[in-house]
Amino acid sequence: MKKQYFLLTLAWLLFAVSGCKDDYRSVVLFEGAEPIYQVGTCDNLVSSLAFFLSETEGETVLGIDGGDGAYTLTNEHESVASVTFAGDSNGYRRISIQPLAAGETVVRVMDGSGSGAQLRITVKERREYKMSKQGFEYGISGDAPVELLGKVSEELSGRSWLEDSGYYVLIPDKGSSYYLDKGVLEIYPTGKEDAPLTGSYETVPMAGEDGDVHALWRFTYDGEQRIFTRSLAGSDGVATVICVLAENVTPFCSPGLLPEGVTVIYREHFLLKLE
């Protein structure tokens, strides 16, 4: 009988220890009122944050869950962001984050056991998108001989277009609902990256030959305007997308170079990504 009691007691102790281990949850940081641990895209756990000084107003508050509750925090570069404890809310300890200067820092929130969560914070002066030119091609309409494109390319070679490896930088206007709508345009020609041109970009409605109104992209810089149709290949959440700009360059060809009714299109291929 004593042996049975001993075995029962040992089993109970093993169960209790196992239960305590199962109750321990690793330290995590989260957005909102409380953490959501649903697997997939519905969780609100946070391991990195990005701020833009030109847009940031006020502080960002994150919650802490897990661990033994004896939290401490360290901040590698306090000049980049101020991170402090901000009391409790809804039963969870909170930290407050205020970006200060461009740079990166890593914040670690640890519990009494030494385990914890890491938060990488990136602060930039402004939100900007880089369009790096990958190549170009000409297209010609109708039954016009393709050989004409060589003459067109030669005649238009002196225009102030980006060479391959040149790039644009798009800086959206503050408050724009979509980053491609309107903003400041910086042009970095190959070999002249230290002296960029500055202009503007905007989406404008224009009537086409079919009578329909289309949303076109207008670049204004270096004393002229360029009008494009724009197509993007990518998906939401992808850092880099393919952007193709198509421009009707027929008006820039000298009289008599093209047969009547022939249209020449200049297509530039870019990689577009948030810097």
C-alpha atoms as a PDB file:
ATOM      1  CA  MET A   1       0.000   0.000   0.000  1.00  0.00           C
ATOM      2  CA  LYS A   2       2.878   2.346   0.861  1.00  0.00           C
ATOM      3  CA  LYS A   3       4.351   1.618  -2.578  1.00  0.00           C
ATOM      4  CA  GLN A   4       1.073   2.548  -4.250  1.00  0.00           C
ATOM      5  CA  TYR A   5       0.931   5.864  -2.335  1.00  0.00           C
ATOM      6  CA  PHE A   6       4.529   6.564  -3.330  1.00  0.00           C
ATOM      7  CA  LEU A   7       3.796   5.899  -7.000  1.00  0.00           C
ATOM      8  CA  LEU A   8       0.677   8.073  -6.883  1.00  0.00           C
ATOM      9  CA  THR A   9       2.599  10.885  -5.216  1.00  0.00           C
ATOM     10  CA  LEU A  10       5.411  10.650  -7.769  1.00  0.00           C
ATOM     11  CA  ALA A  11       2.913  10.733 -10.643  1.00  0.00           C
ATOM     12  CA  TRP A  12       1.216  13.808  -9.146  1.00  0.00           C
ATOM     13  CA  LEU A  13       4.564  15.612  -8.798  1.00  0.00           C
ATOM     14  CA  LEU A  14       5.490  14.797 -12.394  1.00  0.00           C
ATOM     15  CA  PHE A  15       2.123  16.124 -13.562  1.00  0.00           C
ATOM     16  CA  ALA A  16       2.515  19.303 -11.508  1.00  0.00           C
ATOM     17  CA  VAL A  17       6.003  19.988 -12.845  1.00  0.00           C
ATOM     18  CA  SER A  18       4.833  19.318 -16.400  1.00  0.00           C
ATOM     19  CA  GLY A  19       1.883  21.660 -15.903  1.00  0.00           C
ATOM     20  CA  CYS A  20       4.174  24.447 -14.692  1.00  0.00           C
ATOM     21  CA  LYS A  21       6.375  24.016 -17.759  1.00  0.00           C
ATOM     22  CA  ASP A  22       3.375  24.147 -20.039  1.00  0.00           C
ATOM     23  CA  ASP A  23       2.131  27.326 -18.330  1.00  0.00           C
ATOM     24  CA  TYR A  24       5.346  29.213 -19.158  1.00  0.00           C
ATOM     25  CA  ARG A  25       5.069  31.210 -22.356  1.00  0.00           C
ATOM     26  CA  SER A  26       8.010  32.895 -24.042  1.00  0.00           C
ATOM     27  CA  VAL A  27       8.127  36.672 -23.907  1.00  0.00           C
ATOM     28  CA  VAL A  28       6.455  38.360 -26.892  1.00  0.00           C
ATOM     29  CA  LEU A  29       5.574  41.908 -27.925  1.00  0.00           C
ATOM     30  CA  PHE A  30       2.215  42.702 -29.480  1.00  0.00           C
ATOM     31  CA  GLU A  31       0.060  45.511 -30.858  1.00  0.00           C
ATOM     32  CA  GLY A  32      -3.450  46.225 -29.605  1.00  0.00           C
ATOM     33  CA  ALA A  33      -5.361  45.382 -26.445  1.00  0.00           C
ATOM     34  CA  GLU A  34      -4.123  41.815 -26.027  1.00  0.00           C
ATOM     35  CA  PRO A  35      -1.967  39.273 -27.887  1.00  0.00           C
ATOM     36  CA  ILE A  36      -3.411  37.070 -30.611  1.00  0.00           C
ATOM     37  CA  TYR A  37      -1.594  33.767 -31.024  1.00  0.00           C
ATOM     38  CA  GLN A  38      -3.521  32.480 -34.018  1.00  0.00           C
ATOM     39  CA  VAL A  39      -1.216  30.763 -36.491  1.00  0.00           C
ATOM     40  CA  GLY A  40      -1.107  32.416 -39.896  1.00  0.00           C
ATOM     41  CA  THR A  41      -1.702  36.048 -40.822  1.00  0.00           C
ATOM     42  CA  CYS A  42      -4.079  36.965 -38.005  1.00  0.00           C
ATOM     43  CA  ASP A  43      -1.599  37.311 -35.136  1.00  0.00           C
ATOM     44  CA  ASN A  44      -0.544  40.734 -33.853  1.00  0.00           C
ATOM     45  CA  LEU A  45       2.916  39.828 -32.551  1.00  0.00           C
ATOM     46  CA  VAL A  46       5.699  42.290 -33.390  1.00  0.00           C
ATOM     47  CA  SER A  47       9.437  41.770 -33.884  1.00  0.00           C
ATOM     48  CA  SER A  48      10.315  44.866 -35.948  1.00  0.00           C
ATOM     49  CA  LEU A  49       9.072  48.412 -36.504  1.00  0.00           C
ATOM     50  CA  ALA A  50       9.887  51.073 -39.119  1.00  0.00           C
ATOM     51  CA  PHE A  51       9.358  54.801 -38.643  1.00  0.00           C
ATOM     52  CA  PHE A  52       9.662  57.830 -40.922  1.00  0.00           C
ATOM     53  CA  LEU A  53      10.476  61.060 -39.140  1.00  0.00           C
ATOM     54  CA  SER A  54       8.631  63.117 -41.755  1.00  0.00           C
ATOM     55  CA  GLU A  55       5.391  61.272 -40.907  1.00  0.00           C
ATOM     56  CA  THR A  56       5.682  60.134 -37.291  1.00  0.00           C
ATOM     57  CA  GLU A  57       3.591  61.923 -34.705  1.00  0.00           C
ATOM     58  CA  GLY A  58       3.358  60.818 -31.085  1.00  0.00           C
ATOM     59  CA  GLU A  59       4.421  57.519 -29.581  1.00  0.00           C
ATOM     60  CA  THR A  60       3.857  53.864 -30.418  1.00  0.00           C
ATOM     61  CA  VAL A  61       2.806  51.565 -27.588  1.00  0.00           C
ATOM     62  CA  LEU A  62       3.328  47.788 -27.528  1.00  0.00           C
ATOM     63  CA  GLY A  63       2.212  45.225 -24.988  1.00  0.00           C
ATOM     64  CA  ILE A  64       4.290  42.488 -23.345  1.00  0.00           C
ATOM     65  CA  ASP A  65       3.112  38.953 -22.679  1.00  0.00           C
ATOM     66  CA  GLY A  66       4.782  35.797 -21.432  1.00  0.00           C
ATOM     67  CA  GLY A  67       7.764  35.209 -19.180  1.00  0.00           C
ATOM     68  CA  ASP A  68       7.644  35.555 -15.424  1.00  0.00           C
ATOM     69  CA  GLY A  69       6.604  39.213 -15.417  1.00  0.00           C
ATOM     70  CA  ALA A  70       9.877  40.567 -14.006  1.00  0.00           C
ATOM     71  CA  TYR A  71      10.628  42.548 -17.146  1.00  0.00           C
ATOM     72  CA  THR A  72      13.683  44.654 -17.886  1.00  0.00           C
ATOM     73  CA  LEU A  73      14.646  46.306 -21.149  1.00  0.00           C
ATOM     74  CA  THR A  74      17.851  47.321 -22.913  1.00  0.00           C
ATOM     75  CA  ASN A  75      18.205  49.638 -25.899  1.00  0.00           C
ATOM     76  CA  GLU A  76      21.360  49.418 -28.027  1.00  0.00           C
ATOM     77  CA  HIS A  77      21.157  52.957 -29.446  1.00  0.00           C
ATOM     78  CA  GLU A  78      19.117  55.329 -27.330  1.00  0.00           C
ATOM     79  CA  SER A  79      19.829  58.209 -29.733  1.00  0.00           C
ATOM     80  CA  VAL A  80      17.748  56.458 -32.443  1.00  0.00           C
ATOM     81  CA  ALA A  81      14.620  55.779 -30.381  1.00  0.00           C
ATOM     82  CA  SER A  82      13.448  56.306 -26.827  1.00  0.00           C
ATOM     83  CA  VAL A  83      11.935  53.128 -25.347  1.00  0.00           C
ATOM     84  CA  THR A  84      10.462  53.147 -21.830  1.00  0.00           C
ATOM     85  CA  PHE A  85       7.981  51.202 -19.749  1.00  0.00           C
ATOM     86  CA  ALA A  86       4.531  52.787 -19.916  1.00  0.00           C
ATOM     87  CA  GLY A  87       2.572  51.128 -17.121  1.00  0.00           C
ATOM     88  CA  ASP A  88      -0.137  48.490 -17.496  1.00  0.00           C
ATOM     89  CA  SER A  89      -3.230  48.366 -19.669  1.00  0.00           C
ATOM     90  CA  ASN A  90      -5.827  45.618 -19.938  1.00  0.00           C
ATOM     91  CA  GLY A  91      -3.705  43.479 -17.627  1.00  0.00           C
ATOM     92  CA  TYR A  92      -0.510  43.697 -19.732  1.00  0.00           C
ATOM     93  CA  ARG A  93       2.693  45.653 -19.195  1.00  0.00           C
ATOM     94  CA  ARG A  94       3.391  48.200 -21.935  1.00  0.00           C
ATOM     95  CA  ILE A  95       6.394  49.882 -23.520  1.00  0.00           C
ATOM     96  CA  SER A  96       6.371  53.253 -25.274  1.00  0.00           C
ATOM     97  CA  ILE A  97       8.503  53.895 -28.383  1.00  0.00           C
ATOM     98  CA  GLN A  98       9.382  57.353 -29.699  1.00  0.00           C
ATOM     99  CA  PRO A  99      11.651  57.635 -32.796  1.00  0.00           C
ATOM    100  CA  LEU A 100      14.331  60.321 -32.472  1.00  0.00           C
ATOM    101  CA  ALA A 101      16.840  60.145 -35.319  1.00  0.00           C
ATOM    102  CA  ALA A 102      17.619  58.151 -38.459  1.00  0.00           C
ATOM    103  CA  GLY A 103      19.326  54.843 -37.728  1.00  0.00           C
ATOM    104  CA  GLU A 104      18.693  51.385 -36.315  1.00  0.00           C
ATOM    105  CA  THR A 105      18.510  50.017 -32.810  1.00  0.00           C
ATOM    106  CA  VAL A 106      17.659  46.704 -31.158  1.00  0.00           C
ATOM    107  CA  VAL A 107      15.558  46.614 -28.001  1.00  0.00           C
ATOM    108  CA  ARG A 108      15.480  43.519 -25.798  1.00  0.00           C
ATOM    109  CA  VAL A 109      12.735  42.895 -23.245  1.00  0.00           C
ATOM    110  CA  MET A 110      13.902  40.228 -20.779  1.00  0.00           C
ATOM    111  CA  ASP A 111      12.230  38.469 -17.860  1.00  0.00           C
ATOM    112  CA  GLY A 112      13.792  37.264 -14.593  1.00  0.00           C
ATOM    113  CA  SER A 113      14.924  33.977 -16.128  1.00  0.00           C
ATOM    114  CA  GLY A 114      16.988  35.734 -18.809  1.00  0.00           C
ATOM    115  CA  SER A 115      14.762  34.822 -21.739  1.00  0.00           C
ATOM    116  CA  GLY A 116      13.054  37.543 -23.705  1.00  0.00           C
ATOM    117  CA  ALA A 117      11.943  39.153 -26.965  1.00  0.00           C
ATOM    118  CA  GLN A 118      13.900  41.272 -29.422  1.00  0.00           C
ATOM    119  CA  LEU A 119      12.525  44.287 -31.288  1.00  0.00           C
ATOM    120  CA  ARG A 120      14.425  45.789 -34.223  1.00  0.00           C
ATOM    121  CA  ILE A 121      13.598  49.457 -34.810  1.00  0.00           C
ATOM    122  CA  THR A 122      14.499  51.236 -38.067  1.00  0.00           C
ATOM    123  CA  VAL A 123      14.102  55.006 -38.308  1.00  0.00           C
ATOM    124  CA  LYS A 124      14.406  56.900 -41.604  1.00  0.00           C
ATOM    125  CA  GLU A 125      14.110  60.580 -42.420  1.00  0.00           C
ATOM    126  CA  ARG A 126      11.414  60.036 -45.041  1.00  0.00           C
ATOM    127  CA  ARG A 127       9.500  57.386 -46.927  1.00  0.00           C
ATOM    128  CA  GLU A 128      10.960  56.924 -50.385  1.00  0.00           C
ATOM    129  CA  TYR A 129      10.722  54.456 -53.249  1.00  0.00           C
ATOM    130  CA  LYS A 130      13.594  53.694 -55.586  1.00  0.00           C
ATOM    131  CA  MET A 131      12.942  52.875 -59.254  1.00  0.00           C
ATOM    132  CA  SER A 132      16.085  51.297 -60.730  1.00  0.00           C
ATOM    133  CA  LYS A 133      16.177  51.079 -64.519  1.00  0.00           C
ATOM    134  CA  GLN A 134      16.814  47.587 -65.836  1.00  0.00           C
ATOM    135  CA  GLY A 135      16.471  48.159 -69.575  1.00  0.00           C
ATOM    136  CA  PHE A 136      14.314  49.531 -72.368  1.00  0.00           C
ATOM    137  CA  GLU A 137      12.796  48.654 -75.713  1.00  0.00           C
ATOM    138  CA  TYR A 138      11.024  50.350 -78.607  1.00  0.00           C
ATOM    139  CA  GLY A 139       7.803  49.187 -80.176  1.00  0.00           C
ATOM    140  CA  ILE A 140       6.298  50.273 -83.476  1.00  0.00           C
ATOM    141  CA  SER A 141       2.687  50.063 -84.579  1.00  0.00           C
ATOM    142  CA  GLY A 142       1.064  48.620 -87.631  1.00  0.00           C
ATOM    143  CA  ASP A 143       2.944  47.166 -90.567  1.00  0.00           C
ATOM    144  CA  ALA A 144       5.829  49.614 -90.352  1.00  0.00           C
ATOM    145  CA  PRO A 145       9.213  47.957 -90.897  1.00  0.00           C
ATOM    146  CA  VAL A 146      11.018  47.134 -87.671  1.00  0.00           C
ATOM    147  CA  GLU A 147      14.209  48.534 -89.225  1.00  0.00           C
ATOM    148  CA  LEU A 148      12.789  52.006 -88.601  1.00  0.00           C
ATOM    149  CA  LEU A 149      13.340  51.525 -84.878  1.00  0.00           C
ATOM    150  CA  GLY A 150      17.098  51.752 -85.378  1.00  0.00           C
ATOM    151  CA  LYS A 151      16.695  55.201 -86.928  1.00  0.00           C
ATOM    152  CA  VAL A 152      14.290  56.248 -84.176  1.00  0.00           C
ATOM    153  CA  SER A 153      16.692  55.044 -81.477  1.00  0.00           C
ATOM    154  CA  GLU A 154      19.573  56.951 -83.060  1.00  0.00           C
ATOM    155  CA  GLU A 155      17.552  60.160 -83.440  1.00  0.00           C
ATOM    156  CA  LEU A 156      16.279  60.093 -79.853  1.00  0.00           C
ATOM    157  CA  SER A 157      19.554  59.047 -78.235  1.00  0.00           C
ATOM    158  CA  GLY A 158      20.299  62.599 -77.167  1.00  0.00           C
ATOM    159  CA  ARG A 159      17.174  63.008 -75.062  1.00  0.00           C
ATOM    160  CA  SER A 160      17.564  63.300 -71.284  1.00  0.00           C
ATOM    161  CA  TRP A 161      16.322  59.825 -70.485  1.00  0.00           C
ATOM    162  CA  LEU A 162      17.824  57.607 -67.848  1.00  0.00           C
ATOM    163  CA  GLU A 163      20.480  55.208 -68.998  1.00  0.00           C
ATOM    164  CA  ASP A 164      20.434  51.647 -67.731  1.00  0.00           C
ATOM    165  CA  SER A 165      21.473  51.553 -64.047  1.00  0.00           C
ATOM    166  CA  GLY A 166      20.164  55.088 -63.498  1.00  0.00           C
ATOM    167  CA  TYR A 167      17.265  55.461 -61.103  1.00  0.00           C
ATOM    168  CA  TYR A 168      14.403  57.614 -59.841  1.00  0.00           C
ATOM    169  CA  VAL A 169      13.468  58.233 -56.215  1.00  0.00           C
ATOM    170  CA  LEU A 170       9.785  58.860 -55.439  1.00  0.00           C
ATOM    171  CA  ILE A 171       8.971  60.776 -52.256  1.00  0.00           C
ATOM    172  CA  PRO A 172       5.179  60.697 -51.750  1.00  0.00           C
ATOM    173  CA  ASP A 173       3.387  63.798 -50.565  1.00  0.00           C
ATOM    174  CA  LYS A 174       2.447  63.577 -46.917  1.00  0.00           C
ATOM    175  CA  GLY A 175      -1.122  62.418 -46.612  1.00  0.00           C
ATOM    176  CA  SER A 176      -1.282  60.763 -50.046  1.00  0.00           C
ATOM    177  CA  SER A 177      -3.600  57.778 -49.960  1.00  0.00           C
ATOM    178  CA  TYR A 178      -1.380  55.907 -52.454  1.00  0.00           C
ATOM    179  CA  TYR A 179       2.363  56.364 -52.800  1.00  0.00           C
ATOM    180  CA  LEU A 180       2.215  56.590 -56.619  1.00  0.00           C
ATOM    181  CA  ASP A 181      -0.380  59.366 -56.664  1.00  0.00           C
ATOM    182  CA  LYS A 182       1.751  62.464 -56.215  1.00  0.00           C
ATOM    183  CA  GLY A 183       5.060  63.611 -54.799  1.00  0.00           C
ATOM    184  CA  VAL A 184       8.617  64.798 -55.310  1.00  0.00           C
ATOM    185  CA  LEU A 185      10.689  63.123 -58.024  1.00  0.00           C
ATOM    186  CA  GLU A 186      14.473  62.872 -57.807  1.00  0.00           C
ATOM    187  CA  ILE A 187      16.386  61.762 -60.922  1.00  0.00           C
ATOM    188  CA  TYR A 188      19.805  60.104 -60.581  1.00  0.00           C
ATOM    189  CA  PRO A 189      21.488  59.706 -63.997  1.00  0.00           C
ATOM    190  CA  THR A 190      24.262  57.137 -64.263  1.00  0.00           C
ATOM    191  CA  GLY A 191      27.573  58.690 -63.210  1.00  0.00           C
ATOM    192  CA  LYS A 192      25.861  61.807 -61.807  1.00  0.00           C
ATOM    193  CA  GLU A 193      24.346  60.350 -58.628  1.00  0.00           C
ATOM    194  CA  ASP A 194      25.878  63.155 -56.550  1.00  0.00           C
ATOM    195  CA  ALA A 195      23.959  65.824 -58.505  1.00  0.00           C
ATOM    196  CA  PRO A 196      20.376  64.604 -58.953  1.00  0.00           C
ATOM    197  CA  LEU A 197      17.702  66.551 -60.778  1.00  0.00           C
ATOM    198  CA  THR A 198      14.519  67.384 -58.893  1.00  0.00           C
ATOM    199  CA  GLY A 199      10.998  67.446 -60.260  1.00  0.00           C
ATOM    200  CA  SER A 200       7.561  66.069 -59.495  1.00  0.00           C
ATOM    201  CA  TYR A 201       5.315  63.147 -60.341  1.00  0.00           C
ATOM    202  CA  GLU A 202       1.546  62.816 -60.267  1.00  0.00           C
ATOM    203  CA  THR A 203      -1.269  60.653 -61.544  1.00  0.00           C
ATOM    204  CA  VAL A 204      -3.451  62.611 -63.973  1.00  0.00           C
ATOM    205  CA  PRO A 205      -6.672  61.767 -65.851  1.00  0.00           C
ATOM    206  CA  MET A 206      -6.414  62.090 -69.621  1.00  0.00           C
ATOM    207  CA  ALA A 207      -8.772  61.229 -72.445  1.00  0.00           C
ATOM    208  CA  GLY A 208      -7.471  58.634 -74.882  1.00  0.00           C
ATOM    209  CA  GLU A 209      -8.107  58.236 -78.588  1.00  0.00           C
ATOM    210  CA  ASP A 210     -10.920  55.841 -77.716  1.00  0.00           C
ATOM    211  CA  GLY A 211     -12.699  58.632 -75.826  1.00  0.00           C
ATOM    212  CA  ASP A 212     -12.253  56.955 -72.450  1.00  0.00           C
ATOM    213  CA  VAL A 213     -10.490  58.688 -69.569  1.00  0.00           C
ATOM    214  CA  HIS A 214      -7.324  56.941 -68.382  1.00  0.00           C
ATOM    215  CA  ALA A 215      -5.138  57.501 -65.321  1.00  0.00           C
ATOM    216  CA  LEU A 216      -1.660  58.319 -66.614  1.00  0.00           C
ATOM    217  CA  TRP A 217       1.579  59.167 -64.860  1.00  0.00           C
ATOM    218  CA  ARG A 218       3.214  62.554 -65.461  1.00  0.00           C
ATOM    219  CA  PHE A 219       6.852  63.281 -64.686  1.00  0.00           C
ATOM    220  CA  THR A 220       7.929  66.931 -64.761  1.00  0.00           C
ATOM    221  CA  TYR A 221      11.654  67.687 -64.671  1.00  0.00           C
ATOM    222  CA  ASP A 222      14.478  69.311 -66.613  1.00  0.00           C
ATOM    223  CA  GLY A 223      12.078  71.723 -68.309  1.00  0.00           C
ATOM    224  CA  GLU A 224       9.734  69.149 -69.832  1.00  0.00           C
ATOM    225  CA  GLN A 225       6.879  66.808 -69.066  1.00  0.00           C
ATOM    226  CA  ARG A 226       6.751  63.103 -69.796  1.00  0.00           C
ATOM    227  CA  ILE A 227       3.471  61.175 -69.896  1.00  0.00           C
ATOM    228  CA  PHE A 228       3.406  57.425 -69.276  1.00  0.00           C
ATOM    229  CA  THR A 229       1.073  54.543 -68.984  1.00  0.00           C
ATOM    230  CA  ARG A 230       2.191  52.562 -65.966  1.00  0.00           C
ATOM    231  CA  SER A 231       1.933  48.854 -65.238  1.00  0.00           C
ATOM    232  CA  LEU A 232       3.035  47.032 -62.093  1.00  0.00           C
ATOM    233  CA  ALA A 233       3.716  43.329 -61.630  1.00  0.00           C
ATOM    234  CA  GLY A 234       3.760  42.202 -58.027  1.00  0.00           C
ATOM    235  CA  SER A 235       1.518  41.658 -55.034  1.00  0.00           C
ATOM    236  CA  ASP A 236       0.726  43.346 -51.731  1.00  0.00           C
ATOM    237  CA  GLY A 237       3.368  42.732 -49.114  1.00  0.00           C
ATOM    238  CA  VAL A 238       6.145  42.108 -51.655  1.00  0.00           C
ATOM    239  CA  ALA A 239       9.077  44.483 -51.143  1.00  0.00           C
ATOM    240  CA  THR A 240      10.031  44.777 -54.832  1.00  0.00           C
ATOM    241  CA  VAL A 241       7.745  44.965 -57.856  1.00  0.00           C
ATOM    242  CA  ILE A 242       8.369  45.263 -61.594  1.00  0.00           C
ATOM    243  CA  CYS A 243       7.283  48.584 -63.096  1.00  0.00           C
ATOM    244  CA  VAL A 244       7.012  49.257 -66.834  1.00  0.00           C
ATOM    245  CA  LEU A 245       6.612  52.812 -68.137  1.00  0.00           C
ATOM    246  CA  ALA A 246       5.392  53.181 -71.715  1.00  0.00           C
ATOM    247  CA  GLU A 247       5.694  56.547 -73.466  1.00  0.00           C
ATOM    248  CA  ASN A 248       4.492  57.610 -76.917  1.00  0.00           C
ATOM    249  CA  VAL A 249       7.619  59.177 -78.419  1.00  0.00           C
ATOM    250  CA  THR A 250       6.193  59.730 -81.901  1.00  0.00           C
ATOM    251  CA  PRO A 251       5.972  63.544 -81.384  1.00  0.00           C
ATOM    252  CA  PHE A 252       9.727  63.656 -80.758  1.00  0.00           C
ATOM    253  CA  CYS A 253      10.584  62.123 -84.144  1.00  0.00           C
ATOM    254  CA  SER A 254      11.500  64.518 -86.947  1.00  0.00           C
ATOM    255  CA  PRO A 255       8.978  65.034 -89.769  1.00  0.00           C
ATOM    256  CA  GLY A 256       9.223  62.410 -92.481  1.00  0.00           C
ATOM    257  CA  LEU A 257      11.022  59.837 -90.340  1.00  0.00           C
ATOM    258  CA  LEU A 258       7.871  57.768 -89.776  1.00  0.00           C
ATOM    259  CA  PRO A 259       5.133  56.843 -92.243  1.00  0.00           C
ATOM    260  CA  GLU A 260       1.830  58.572 -91.613  1.00  0.00           C
ATOM    261  CA  GLY A 261      -0.190  56.952 -88.836  1.00  0.00           C
ATOM    262  CA  VAL A 262       2.731  55.032 -87.345  1.00  0.00           C
ATOM    263  CA  THR A 263       3.270  55.253 -83.584  1.00  0.00           C
ATOM    264  CA  VAL A 264       6.483  54.488 -81.703  1.00  0.00           C
ATOM    265  CA  ILE A 265       6.379  53.505 -78.024  1.00  0.00           C
ATOM    266  CA  TYR A 266       9.378  53.669 -75.702  1.00  0.00           C
ATOM    267  CA  ARG A 267       9.158  51.198 -72.805  1.00  0.00           C
ATOM    268  CA  GLU A 268      11.402  51.399 -69.759  1.00  0.00           C
ATOM    269  CA  HIS A 269      11.664  48.521 -67.275  1.00  0.00           C
ATOM    270  CA  PHE A 270      12.269  49.236 -63.602  1.00  0.00           C
ATOM    271  CA  LEU A 271      12.501  47.501 -60.248  1.00  0.00           C
ATOM    272  CA  LEU A 272      10.486  49.491 -57.727  1.00  0.00           C
ATOM    273  CA  LYS A 273      11.036  49.041 -53.994  1.00  0.00           C
ATOM    274  CA  LEU A 274      10.685  50.862 -50.698  1.00  0.00           C
ATOM    275  CA  GLU A 275      14.078  52.001 -49.459  1.00  0.00           C
END
